[in-house]
Each structure stands twice: as structure tokens, then as C-alpha cells.
């Protein structure tokens, strides 16, 4: 029995679409690939707490405020928001 058949028999609906449809999880997969290559694979983590702290620091101190994002025209989120606010005030 396939996974899909088991879901159907159980009355459940899969949370993702098939590859190529509008409901696939490519965006999330791209984010986790970035997280893995830029942080997780850089060193071993002695404890889960050390990994949690490193991920928090990566997200809050680097990825969200400083890292340039292609979807924002290769601006950091902070720079994008600064420009947006400036445009709104004009």
C-alpha cells in the first residue's frame, strides 16, 4: 500500500501538492538548504541547545536583518524596509 493510499484510507489529506504544482514546498526547502549550507554544516554542535542558540543567532542577527535576499531585489530586509518607509513618506 502506498503512502497516499494509507492517507486516503485513514481519511487524511496530504499537506503538500505534487512536484511542480503551486502548493509544493520549494520555498521552505530552499530556506532549509540555505540554513544547512551557511550554518549547520559549518561545524559540529555539541548539544541541542548550542544548535538552537546558533540557529536563533543566524536568523535574528544575520539572515533576517543583513543577508541580501533575491526576492527583495538583493537588499537586506532592513534596507528594503528602510527604502519602503522612505517611499511611503514621500
PDB file of N, CA and C in Angstrom:
ATOM      1  N   UNK A   1       0.847  -1.174   0.000  1.00  0.00           N
ATOM      2  CA  UNK A   1       0.000   0.000   0.000  1.00  0.00           C
ATOM      3  C   UNK A   1       0.897   1.243   0.000  1.00  0.00           C
ATOM      4  N   UNK A   2       0.577   2.218  -0.845  1.00  0.00           N
ATOM      5  CA  UNK A   2       1.374   3.435  -0.914  1.00  0.00           C
ATOM      6  C   UNK A   2       0.997   4.386   0.207  1.00  0.00           C
ATOM      7  N   UNK A   3       1.843   5.367   0.418  1.00  0.00           N
ATOM      8  CA  UNK A   3       1.590   6.367   1.455  1.00  0.00           C
ATOM      9  C   UNK A   3       0.270   7.091   1.191  1.00  0.00           C
ATOM     10  N   UNK A   4       0.044   7.476  -0.066  1.00  0.00           N
ATOM     11  CA  UNK A   4      -1.195   8.154  -0.429  1.00  0.00           C
ATOM     12  C   UNK A   4      -2.423   7.311  -0.149  1.00  0.00           C
ATOM     13  N   UNK A   5      -2.325   6.022  -0.412  1.00  0.00           N
ATOM     14  CA  UNK A   5      -3.446   5.124  -0.132  1.00  0.00           C
ATOM     15  C   UNK A   5      -3.723   5.043   1.368  1.00  0.00           C
ATOM     16  N   UNK A   6      -2.665   4.998   2.151  1.00  0.00           N
ATOM     17  CA  UNK A   6      -2.845   4.965   3.610  1.00  0.00           C
ATOM     18  C   UNK A   6      -3.515   6.236   4.105  1.00  0.00           C
ATOM     19  N   UNK A   7      -3.094   7.363   3.561  1.00  0.00           N
ATOM     20  CA  UNK A   7      -3.735   8.612   3.951  1.00  0.00           C
ATOM     21  C   UNK A   7      -5.219   8.576   3.632  1.00  0.00           C
ATOM     22  N   UNK A   8      -5.532   8.163   2.401  1.00  0.00           N
ATOM     23  CA  UNK A   8      -6.933   8.115   1.973  1.00  0.00           C
ATOM     24  C   UNK A   8      -7.766   7.202   2.861  1.00  0.00           C
ATOM     25  N   UNK A   9      -7.255   6.025   3.138  1.00  0.00           N
ATOM     26  CA  UNK A   9      -7.988   5.069   3.977  1.00  0.00           C
ATOM     27  C   UNK A   9      -8.195   5.599   5.383  1.00  0.00           C
ATOM     28  N   UNK A  10      -7.286   6.434   5.830  1.00  0.00           N
ATOM     29  CA  UNK A  10      -7.396   6.995   7.174  1.00  0.00           C
ATOM     30  C   UNK A  10      -8.240   8.259   7.201  1.00  0.00           C
ATOM     31  N   UNK A  11      -8.678   8.697   6.037  1.00  0.00           N
ATOM     32  CA  UNK A  11      -9.471   9.922   5.967  1.00  0.00           C
ATOM     33  C   UNK A  11      -8.653  11.184   6.090  1.00  0.00           C
ATOM     34  N   UNK A  12      -7.349  11.088   5.785  1.00  0.00           N
ATOM     35  CA  UNK A  12      -6.453  12.236   5.891  1.00  0.00           C
ATOM     36  C   UNK A  12      -6.151  12.806   4.515  1.00  0.00           C
ATOM     37  N   UNK A  13      -5.736  14.063   4.491  1.00  0.00           N
ATOM     38  CA  UNK A  13      -5.359  14.731   3.250  1.00  0.00           C
ATOM     39  C   UNK A  13      -3.896  15.128   3.365  1.00  0.00           C
ATOM     40  N   UNK A  14      -3.121  14.867   2.329  1.00  0.00           N
ATOM     41  CA  UNK A  14      -1.705  15.237   2.328  1.00  0.00           C
ATOM     42  C   UNK A  14      -1.565  16.750   2.417  1.00  0.00           C
ATOM     43  N   UNK A  15      -0.545  17.219   3.116  1.00  0.00           N
ATOM     44  CA  UNK A  15      -0.365  18.653   3.314  1.00  0.00           C
ATOM     45  C   UNK A  15       0.388  19.317   2.175  1.00  0.00           C
ATOM     46  N   UNK A  16       0.952  18.570   1.257  1.00  0.00           N
ATOM     47  CA  UNK A  16       1.720  19.138   0.156  1.00  0.00           C
ATOM     48  C   UNK A  16       1.134  18.663  -1.164  1.00  0.00           C
ATOM     49  N   UNK A  17       1.353  19.476  -2.178  1.00  0.00           N
ATOM     50  CA  UNK A  17       0.969  19.074  -3.517  1.00  0.00           C
ATOM     51  C   UNK A  17       2.048  18.199  -4.122  1.00  0.00           C
ATOM     52  N   UNK A  18       1.872  17.879  -5.368  1.00  0.00           N
ATOM     53  CA  UNK A  18       2.884  17.110  -6.083  1.00  0.00           C
ATOM     54  C   UNK A  18       3.932  18.064  -6.627  1.00  0.00           C
ATOM     55  N   UNK A  19       5.078  17.530  -6.984  1.00  0.00           N
ATOM     56  CA  UNK A  19       6.150  18.363  -7.524  1.00  0.00           C
ATOM     57  C   UNK A  19       5.634  19.143  -8.720  1.00  0.00           C
ATOM     58  N   UNK A  20       5.937  20.436  -8.722  1.00  0.00           N
ATOM     59  CA  UNK A  20       5.554  21.263  -9.848  1.00  0.00           C
ATOM     60  C   UNK A  20       4.236  21.984  -9.695  1.00  0.00           C
ATOM     61  N   UNK A  21       3.425  21.625  -8.706  1.00  0.00           N
ATOM     62  CA  UNK A  21       2.182  22.377  -8.579  1.00  0.00           C
ATOM     63  C   UNK A  21       2.380  23.554  -7.620  1.00  0.00           C
ATOM     64  N   UNK A  22       1.400  24.409  -7.567  1.00  0.00           N
ATOM     65  CA  UNK A  22       1.535  25.654  -6.819  1.00  0.00           C
ATOM     66  C   UNK A  22       1.626  25.448  -5.310  1.00  0.00           C
ATOM     67  N   UNK A  23       1.341  24.267  -4.841  1.00  0.00           N
ATOM     68  CA  UNK A  23       1.324  24.043  -3.403  1.00  0.00           C
ATOM     69  C   UNK A  23       2.519  23.233  -2.908  1.00  0.00           C
ATOM     70  N   UNK A  24       3.563  23.124  -3.726  1.00  0.00           N
ATOM     71  CA  UNK A  24       4.724  22.373  -3.243  1.00  0.00           C
ATOM     72  C   UNK A  24       5.495  23.233  -2.239  1.00  0.00           C
ATOM     73  N   UNK A  25       6.478  22.667  -1.626  1.00  0.00           N
ATOM     74  CA  UNK A  25       7.185  23.365  -0.551  1.00  0.00           C
ATOM     75  C   UNK A  25       8.594  23.795  -0.966  1.00  0.00           C
ATOM     76  N   UNK A  26       8.750  24.224  -2.216  1.00  0.00           N
ATOM     77  CA  UNK A  26      10.062  24.614  -2.727  1.00  0.00           C
ATOM     78  C   UNK A  26      10.667  25.770  -1.936  1.00  0.00           C
ATOM     79  N   UNK A  27       9.867  26.724  -1.546  1.00  0.00           N
ATOM     80  CA  UNK A  27      10.377  27.867  -0.794  1.00  0.00           C
ATOM     81  C   UNK A  27      10.980  27.424   0.535  1.00  0.00           C
ATOM     82  N   UNK A  28      10.292  26.568   1.240  1.00  0.00           N
ATOM     83  CA  UNK A  28      10.788  26.080   2.531  1.00  0.00           C
ATOM     84  C   UNK A  28      12.033  25.227   2.327  1.00  0.00           C
ATOM     85  N   UNK A  29      12.008  24.394   1.297  1.00  0.00           N
ATOM     86  CA  UNK A  29      13.186  23.572   1.018  1.00  0.00           C
ATOM     87  C   UNK A  29      14.389  24.436   0.687  1.00  0.00           C
ATOM     88  N   UNK A  30      14.187  25.516  -0.049  1.00  0.00           N
ATOM     89  CA  UNK A  30      15.292  26.422  -0.379  1.00  0.00           C
ATOM     90  C   UNK A  30      15.832  27.087   0.886  1.00  0.00           C
ATOM     91  N   UNK A  31      14.936  27.495   1.783  1.00  0.00           N
ATOM     92  CA  UNK A  31      15.386  28.108   3.031  1.00  0.00           C
ATOM     93  C   UNK A  31      16.228  27.136   3.846  1.00  0.00           C
ATOM     94  N   UNK A  32      15.730  25.901   4.004  1.00  0.00           N
ATOM     95  CA  UNK A  32      16.473  24.939   4.810  1.00  0.00           C
ATOM     96  C   UNK A  32      17.787  24.535   4.153  1.00  0.00           C
ATOM     97  N   UNK A  33      17.847  24.528   2.830  1.00  0.00           N
ATOM     98  CA  UNK A  33      19.119  24.264   2.147  1.00  0.00           C
ATOM     99  C   UNK A  33      20.115  25.374   2.447  1.00  0.00           C
ATOM    100  N   UNK A  34      19.635  26.619   2.466  1.00  0.00           N
ATOM    101  CA  UNK A  34      20.499  27.748   2.808  1.00  0.00           C
ATOM    102  C   UNK A  34      20.962  27.657   4.250  1.00  0.00           C
ATOM    103  N   UNK A  35      20.044  27.377   5.147  1.00  0.00           N
ATOM    104  CA  UNK A  35      20.395  27.242   6.560  1.00  0.00           C
ATOM    105  C   UNK A  35      21.443  26.152   6.750  1.00  0.00           C
ATOM    106  N   UNK A  36      21.243  25.037   6.075  1.00  0.00           N
ATOM    107  CA  UNK A  36      22.182  23.924   6.205  1.00  0.00           C
ATOM    108  C   UNK A  36      23.557  24.287   5.677  1.00  0.00           C
ATOM    109  N   UNK A  37      23.613  24.900   4.489  1.00  0.00           N
ATOM    110  CA  UNK A  37      24.923  25.190   3.894  1.00  0.00           C
ATOM    111  C   UNK A  37      25.634  26.349   4.579  1.00  0.00           C
ATOM    112  N   UNK A  38      24.890  27.338   5.072  1.00  0.00           N
ATOM    113  CA  UNK A  38      25.520  28.506   5.676  1.00  0.00           C
ATOM    114  C   UNK A  38      25.782  28.366   7.170  1.00  0.00           C
ATOM    115  N   UNK A  39      25.093  27.432   7.822  1.00  0.00           N
ATOM    116  CA  UNK A  39      25.277  27.321   9.265  1.00  0.00           C
ATOM    117  C   UNK A  39      25.486  25.889   9.732  1.00  0.00           C
ATOM    118  N   UNK A  40      24.509  25.045   9.494  1.00  0.00           N
ATOM    119  CA  UNK A  40      24.510  23.716  10.108  1.00  0.00           C
ATOM    120  C   UNK A  40      25.717  22.875   9.730  1.00  0.00           C
ATOM    121  N   UNK A  41      26.161  22.993   8.488  1.00  0.00           N
ATOM    122  CA  UNK A  41      27.277  22.161   8.029  1.00  0.00           C
ATOM    123  C   UNK A  41      28.639  22.768   8.340  1.00  0.00           C
ATOM    124  N   UNK A  42      28.667  23.918   9.008  1.00  0.00           N
ATOM    125  CA  UNK A  42      29.940  24.594   9.240  1.00  0.00           C
ATOM    126  C   UNK A  42      30.741  24.031  10.402  1.00  0.00           C
ATOM    127  N   UNK A  43      30.066  23.328  11.305  1.00  0.00           N
ATOM    128  CA  UNK A  43      30.763  22.773  12.472  1.00  0.00           C
ATOM    129  C   UNK A  43      29.865  21.768  13.178  1.00  0.00           C
ATOM    130  N   UNK A  44      30.435  20.922  13.997  1.00  0.00           N
ATOM    131  CA  UNK A  44      29.590  20.023  14.795  1.00  0.00           C
ATOM    132  C   UNK A  44      29.002  20.799  15.970  1.00  0.00           C
ATOM    133  N   UNK A  45      27.830  20.396  16.403  1.00  0.00           N
ATOM    134  CA  UNK A  45      27.175  21.061  17.529  1.00  0.00           C
ATOM    135  C   UNK A  45      27.190  20.106  18.716  1.00  0.00           C
ATOM    136  N   UNK A  46      27.829  20.502  19.824  1.00  0.00           N
ATOM    137  CA  UNK A  46      27.991  19.596  20.966  1.00  0.00           C
ATOM    138  C   UNK A  46      26.677  19.257  21.672  1.00  0.00           C
ATOM    139  N   UNK A  47      25.724  20.208  21.650  1.00  0.00           N
ATOM    140  CA  UNK A  47      24.439  19.968  22.309  1.00  0.00           C
ATOM    141  C   UNK A  47      23.313  20.538  21.445  1.00  0.00           C
ATOM    142  N   UNK A  48      22.108  20.089  21.703  1.00  0.00           N
ATOM    143  CA  UNK A  48      20.947  20.651  21.000  1.00  0.00           C
ATOM    144  C   UNK A  48      20.782  22.130  21.336  1.00  0.00           C
ATOM    145  N   UNK A  49      21.050  22.485  22.580  1.00  0.00           N
ATOM    146  CA  UNK A  49      20.919  23.889  22.972  1.00  0.00           C
ATOM    147  C   UNK A  49      21.919  24.758  22.213  1.00  0.00           C
ATOM    148  N   UNK A  50      23.131  24.270  22.013  1.00  0.00           N
ATOM    149  CA  UNK A  50      24.119  25.034  21.240  1.00  0.00           C
ATOM    150  C   UNK A  50      23.631  25.230  19.802  1.00  0.00           C
ATOM    151  N   UNK A  51      23.027  24.204  19.229  1.00  0.00           N
ATOM    152  CA  UNK A  51      22.483  24.315  17.871  1.00  0.00           C
ATOM    153  C   UNK A  51      21.313  25.295  17.847  1.00  0.00           C
ATOM    154  N   UNK A  52      20.422  25.208  18.824  1.00  0.00           N
ATOM    155  CA  UNK A  52      19.283  26.139  18.896  1.00  0.00           C
ATOM    156  C   UNK A  52      19.758  27.587  18.977  1.00  0.00           C
ATOM    157  N   UNK A  53      20.736  27.825  19.837  1.00  0.00           N
ATOM    158  CA  UNK A  53      21.271  29.181  20.002  1.00  0.00           C
ATOM    159  C   UNK A  53      21.903  29.674  18.710  1.00  0.00           C
ATOM    160  N   UNK A  54      22.669  28.817  18.053  1.00  0.00           N
ATOM    161  CA  UNK A  54      23.306  29.199  16.796  1.00  0.00           C
ATOM    162  C   UNK A  54      22.263  29.501  15.722  1.00  0.00           C
ATOM    163  N   UNK A  55      21.207  28.710  15.651  1.00  0.00           N
ATOM    164  CA  UNK A  55      20.153  28.952  14.658  1.00  0.00           C
ATOM    165  C   UNK A  55      19.436  30.258  14.964  1.00  0.00           C
ATOM    166  N   UNK A  56      19.129  30.514  16.225  1.00  0.00           N
ATOM    167  CA  UNK A  56      18.490  31.775  16.601  1.00  0.00           C
ATOM    168  C   UNK A  56      19.373  32.953  16.203  1.00  0.00           C
ATOM    169  N   UNK A  57      20.658  32.897  16.546  1.00  0.00           N
ATOM    170  CA  UNK A  57      21.580  33.983  16.202  1.00  0.00           C
ATOM    171  C   UNK A  57      21.668  34.166  14.688  1.00  0.00           C
ATOM    172  N   UNK A  58      21.727  33.053  13.953  1.00  0.00           N
ATOM    173  CA  UNK A  58      21.795  33.118  12.493  1.00  0.00           C
ATOM    174  C   UNK A  58      20.565  33.838  11.934  1.00  0.00           C
ATOM    175  N   UNK A  59      19.388  33.454  12.418  1.00  0.00           N
ATOM    176  CA  UNK A  59      18.158  34.050  11.906  1.00  0.00           C
ATOM    177  C   UNK A  59      18.001  35.514  12.315  1.00  0.00           C
ATOM    178  N   UNK A  60      18.201  35.804  13.594  1.00  0.00           N
ATOM    179  CA  UNK A  60      17.915  37.140  14.109  1.00  0.00           C
ATOM    180  C   UNK A  60      19.043  38.144  13.922  1.00  0.00           C
ATOM    181  N   UNK A  61      20.271  37.661  13.791  1.00  0.00           N
ATOM    182  CA  UNK A  61      21.410  38.580  13.667  1.00  0.00           C
ATOM    183  C   UNK A  61      21.983  38.640  12.250  1.00  0.00           C
ATOM    184  N   UNK A  62      21.681  37.657  11.419  1.00  0.00           N
ATOM    185  CA  UNK A  62      22.248  37.626  10.079  1.00  0.00           C
ATOM    186  C   UNK A  62      21.181  37.478   8.997  1.00  0.00           C
ATOM    187  N   UNK A  63      20.445  36.386   8.979  1.00  0.00           N
ATOM    188  CA  UNK A  63      19.544  36.075   7.865  1.00  0.00           C
ATOM    189  C   UNK A  63      18.458  37.133   7.697  1.00  0.00           C
ATOM    190  N   UNK A  64      17.748  37.463   8.754  1.00  0.00           N
ATOM    191  CA  UNK A  64      16.657  38.431   8.628  1.00  0.00           C
ATOM    192  C   UNK A  64      17.143  39.879   8.464  1.00  0.00           C
ATOM    193  N   UNK A  65      18.076  40.356   9.290  1.00  0.00           N
ATOM    194  CA  UNK A  65      18.419  41.773   9.162  1.00  0.00           C
ATOM    195  C   UNK A  65      19.468  42.114   8.106  1.00  0.00           C
ATOM    196  N   UNK A  66      20.417  41.234   7.815  1.00  0.00           N
ATOM    197  CA  UNK A  66      21.556  41.637   6.989  1.00  0.00           C
ATOM    198  C   UNK A  66      21.693  40.909   5.657  1.00  0.00           C
ATOM    199  N   UNK A  67      21.379  39.631   5.621  1.00  0.00           N
ATOM    200  CA  UNK A  67      21.612  38.840   4.409  1.00  0.00           C
ATOM    201  C   UNK A  67      20.750  39.372   3.272  1.00  0.00           C
ATOM    202  N   UNK A  68      21.347  39.527   2.110  1.00  0.00           N
ATOM    203  CA  UNK A  68      20.614  40.002   0.942  1.00  0.00           C
ATOM    204  C   UNK A  68      19.737  38.884   0.403  1.00  0.00           C
ATOM    205  N   UNK A  69      18.502  39.234   0.058  1.00  0.00           N
ATOM    206  CA  UNK A  69      17.524  38.259  -0.419  1.00  0.00           C
ATOM    207  C   UNK A  69      17.157  38.569  -1.859  1.00  0.00           C
ATOM    208  N   UNK A  70      17.181  37.561  -2.702  1.00  0.00           N
ATOM    209  CA  UNK A  70      16.858  37.765  -4.117  1.00  0.00           C
ATOM    210  C   UNK A  70      15.436  38.271  -4.294  1.00  0.00           C
ATOM    211  N   UNK A  71      14.521  37.830  -3.449  1.00  0.00           N
ATOM    212  CA  UNK A  71      13.121  38.265  -3.589  1.00  0.00           C
ATOM    213  C   UNK A  71      12.933  39.732  -3.199  1.00  0.00           C
ATOM    214  N   UNK A  72      13.932  40.338  -2.576  1.00  0.00           N
ATOM    215  CA  UNK A  72      13.864  41.754  -2.197  1.00  0.00           C
ATOM    216  C   UNK A  72      14.788  42.592  -3.068  1.00  0.00           C
ATOM    217  N   UNK A  73      15.081  42.103  -4.266  1.00  0.00           N
ATOM    218  CA  UNK A  73      15.968  42.842  -5.158  1.00  0.00           C
ATOM    219  C   UNK A  73      17.399  42.885  -4.657  1.00  0.00           C
ATOM    220  N   UNK A  74      17.811  41.833  -3.988  1.00  0.00           N
ATOM    221  CA  UNK A  74      19.151  41.692  -3.413  1.00  0.00           C
ATOM    222  C   UNK A  74      19.465  42.779  -2.389  1.00  0.00           C
ATOM    223  N   UNK A  75      18.442  43.160  -1.633  1.00  0.00           N
ATOM    224  CA  UNK A  75      18.612  44.054  -0.491  1.00  0.00           C
ATOM    225  C   UNK A  75      18.429  43.233   0.775  1.00  0.00           C
ATOM    226  N   UNK A  76      18.995  43.708   1.869  1.00  0.00           N
ATOM    227  CA  UNK A  76      18.707  43.077   3.164  1.00  0.00           C
ATOM    228  C   UNK A  76      17.299  43.479   3.560  1.00  0.00           C
ATOM    229  N   UNK A  77      16.637  42.697   4.411  1.00  0.00           N
ATOM    230  CA  UNK A  77      15.294  43.089   4.860  1.00  0.00           C
ATOM    231  C   UNK A  77      15.273  44.468   5.519  1.00  0.00           C
ATOM    232  N   UNK A  78      16.299  44.801   6.276  1.00  0.00           N
ATOM    233  CA  UNK A  78      16.328  46.107   6.932  1.00  0.00           C
ATOM    234  C   UNK A  78      16.424  47.221   5.897  1.00  0.00           C
ATOM    235  N   UNK A  79      17.280  47.054   4.903  1.00  0.00           N
ATOM    236  CA  UNK A  79      17.412  48.065   3.851  1.00  0.00           C
ATOM    237  C   UNK A  79      16.132  48.170   3.030  1.00  0.00           C
ATOM    238  N   UNK A  80      15.524  47.025   2.736  1.00  0.00           N
ATOM    239  CA  UNK A  80      14.266  47.026   1.989  1.00  0.00           C
ATOM    240  C   UNK A  80      13.190  47.797   2.754  1.00  0.00           C
ATOM    241  N   UNK A  81      13.059  47.529   4.040  1.00  0.00           N
ATOM    242  CA  UNK A  81      12.059  48.231   4.848  1.00  0.00           C
ATOM    243  C   UNK A  81      12.377  49.721   4.963  1.00  0.00           C
ATOM    244  N   UNK A  82      13.661  50.065   5.095  1.00  0.00           N
ATOM    245  CA  UNK A  82      14.046  51.479   5.177  1.00  0.00           C
ATOM    246  C   UNK A  82      13.629  52.205   3.901  1.00  0.00           C
ATOM    247  N   UNK A  83      13.905  51.589   2.750  1.00  0.00           N
ATOM    248  CA  UNK A  83      13.525  52.212   1.477  1.00  0.00           C
ATOM    249  C   UNK A  83      12.016  52.288   1.321  1.00  0.00           C
ATOM    250  N   UNK A  84      11.316  51.242   1.760  1.00  0.00           N
ATOM    251  CA  UNK A  84       9.855  51.237   1.661  1.00  0.00           C
ATOM    252  C   UNK A  84       9.271  52.366   2.497  1.00  0.00           C
ATOM    253  N   UNK A  85       9.769  52.521   3.716  1.00  0.00           N
ATOM    254  CA  UNK A  85       9.273  53.593   4.591  1.00  0.00           C
ATOM    255  C   UNK A  85       9.577  54.962   4.006  1.00  0.00           C
ATOM    256  N   UNK A  86      10.761  55.104   3.412  1.00  0.00           N
ATOM    257  CA  UNK A  86      11.122  56.376   2.780  1.00  0.00           C
ATOM    258  C   UNK A  86      10.181  56.681   1.617  1.00  0.00           C
ATOM    259  N   UNK A  87       9.874  55.678   0.807  1.00  0.00           N
ATOM    260  CA  UNK A  87       8.959  55.860  -0.324  1.00  0.00           C
ATOM    261  C   UNK A  87       7.551  56.206   0.146  1.00  0.00           C
ATOM    262  N   UNK A  88       7.113  55.604   1.260  1.00  0.00           N
ATOM    263  CA  UNK A  88       5.775  55.882   1.788  1.00  0.00           C
ATOM    264  C   UNK A  88       5.671  57.324   2.329  1.00  0.00           C
ATOM    265  N   UNK A  89       6.768  57.807   2.888  1.00  0.00           N
ATOM    266  CA  UNK A  89       6.771  59.158   3.438  1.00  0.00           C
ATOM    267  C   UNK A  89       6.825  60.221   2.342  1.00  0.00           C
ATOM    268  N   UNK A  90       7.336  59.832   1.183  1.00  0.00           N
ATOM    269  CA  UNK A  90       7.482  60.801   0.072  1.00  0.00           C
ATOM    270  C   UNK A  90       6.193  61.096  -0.627  1.00  0.00           C
TER     271      UNK A  90
END
